[in-house]
N, C-alpha and C. Protein backbone atom coordinates (compact mmCIF):
# COMPACT_ATOMS: atom_id res chain seq x y z
N MET A 1 -109.86 183.01 -9.83
CA MET A 1 -108.97 181.88 -9.61
C MET A 1 -109.50 181.05 -8.45
N SER A 2 -109.92 181.70 -7.40
CA SER A 2 -110.43 180.99 -6.21
C SER A 2 -111.57 180.00 -6.53
N VAL A 3 -112.48 180.59 -7.39
CA VAL A 3 -113.61 179.74 -7.77
C VAL A 3 -113.16 178.51 -8.50
N SER A 4 -112.27 178.67 -9.52
CA SER A 4 -111.78 177.53 -10.26
C SER A 4 -111.19 176.51 -9.40
N HIS A 5 -110.31 176.96 -8.48
CA HIS A 5 -109.65 176.07 -7.57
C HIS A 5 -110.65 175.29 -6.67
N ALA A 6 -111.55 176.03 -6.18
CA ALA A 6 -112.59 175.41 -5.30
C ALA A 6 -113.41 174.39 -6.10
N THR A 7 -113.73 174.82 -7.33
CA THR A 7 -114.55 173.87 -8.20
C THR A 7 -113.79 172.61 -8.44
N MET A 8 -112.50 172.76 -8.72
CA MET A 8 -111.67 171.53 -9.01
C MET A 8 -111.65 170.63 -7.78
N LYS A 9 -111.49 171.25 -6.60
CA LYS A 9 -111.47 170.39 -5.41
C LYS A 9 -112.84 169.72 -5.19
N THR A 10 -113.93 170.43 -5.47
CA THR A 10 -115.24 169.95 -5.28
C THR A 10 -115.44 168.78 -6.24
N VAL A 11 -115.07 168.96 -7.48
CA VAL A 11 -115.27 167.88 -8.54
C VAL A 11 -114.47 166.66 -8.12
N THR A 12 -113.20 166.88 -7.72
CA THR A 12 -112.36 165.72 -7.30
C THR A 12 -113.00 164.99 -6.14
N TYR A 13 -113.49 165.77 -5.17
CA TYR A 13 -114.15 165.14 -4.00
C TYR A 13 -115.38 164.36 -4.46
N TYR A 14 -116.18 164.98 -5.29
CA TYR A 14 -117.41 164.34 -5.79
C TYR A 14 -117.11 163.09 -6.52
N LEU A 15 -116.08 163.05 -7.32
CA LEU A 15 -115.66 161.90 -8.06
C LEU A 15 -115.27 160.83 -7.09
N LYS A 16 -114.52 161.12 -6.04
CA LYS A 16 -114.10 160.16 -5.10
C LYS A 16 -115.34 159.55 -4.46
N VAL A 17 -116.22 160.36 -3.99
CA VAL A 17 -117.48 159.88 -3.32
C VAL A 17 -118.28 158.98 -4.28
N SER A 18 -118.41 159.45 -5.50
CA SER A 18 -119.18 158.78 -6.44
C SER A 18 -118.61 157.34 -6.73
N SER A 19 -117.30 157.33 -6.94
CA SER A 19 -116.64 156.04 -7.24
C SER A 19 -116.70 155.13 -6.05
N SER A 20 -116.71 155.70 -4.81
CA SER A 20 -116.79 154.91 -3.64
C SER A 20 -118.24 154.44 -3.30
N SER A 21 -119.19 155.33 -3.72
CA SER A 21 -120.57 155.06 -3.42
C SER A 21 -121.24 154.28 -4.55
N SER A 22 -120.92 154.55 -5.83
CA SER A 22 -121.50 153.90 -6.98
C SER A 22 -120.51 153.43 -7.95
N PRO A 23 -119.69 152.40 -7.67
CA PRO A 23 -118.70 151.95 -8.59
C PRO A 23 -119.28 151.50 -9.94
N GLU A 24 -120.57 150.98 -9.91
CA GLU A 24 -121.17 150.60 -11.12
C GLU A 24 -121.46 151.76 -12.06
N PHE A 25 -121.76 152.90 -11.49
CA PHE A 25 -122.02 154.05 -12.29
C PHE A 25 -120.72 154.46 -13.05
N ILE A 26 -119.64 154.41 -12.29
CA ILE A 26 -118.35 154.78 -12.84
C ILE A 26 -118.00 153.81 -13.94
N ASP A 27 -118.30 152.53 -13.71
CA ASP A 27 -117.93 151.51 -14.69
C ASP A 27 -118.68 151.73 -15.96
N ILE A 28 -119.94 152.13 -15.86
CA ILE A 28 -120.73 152.37 -17.07
C ILE A 28 -120.21 153.61 -17.80
N THR A 29 -119.80 154.61 -17.02
CA THR A 29 -119.29 155.80 -17.65
C THR A 29 -117.99 155.47 -18.35
N ASP A 30 -117.15 154.68 -17.74
CA ASP A 30 -115.87 154.32 -18.32
C ASP A 30 -116.07 153.54 -19.64
N GLU A 31 -117.12 152.72 -19.65
CA GLU A 31 -117.43 151.90 -20.85
C GLU A 31 -118.04 152.77 -21.87
């Protein structure tokens, strides 16, 4: 359970950083 929770937090953090650092990449992914 710990691993899953930690992974979820890491993914969420990574997504936040990615969207803040490369909005274009997120836009392409969304499209």
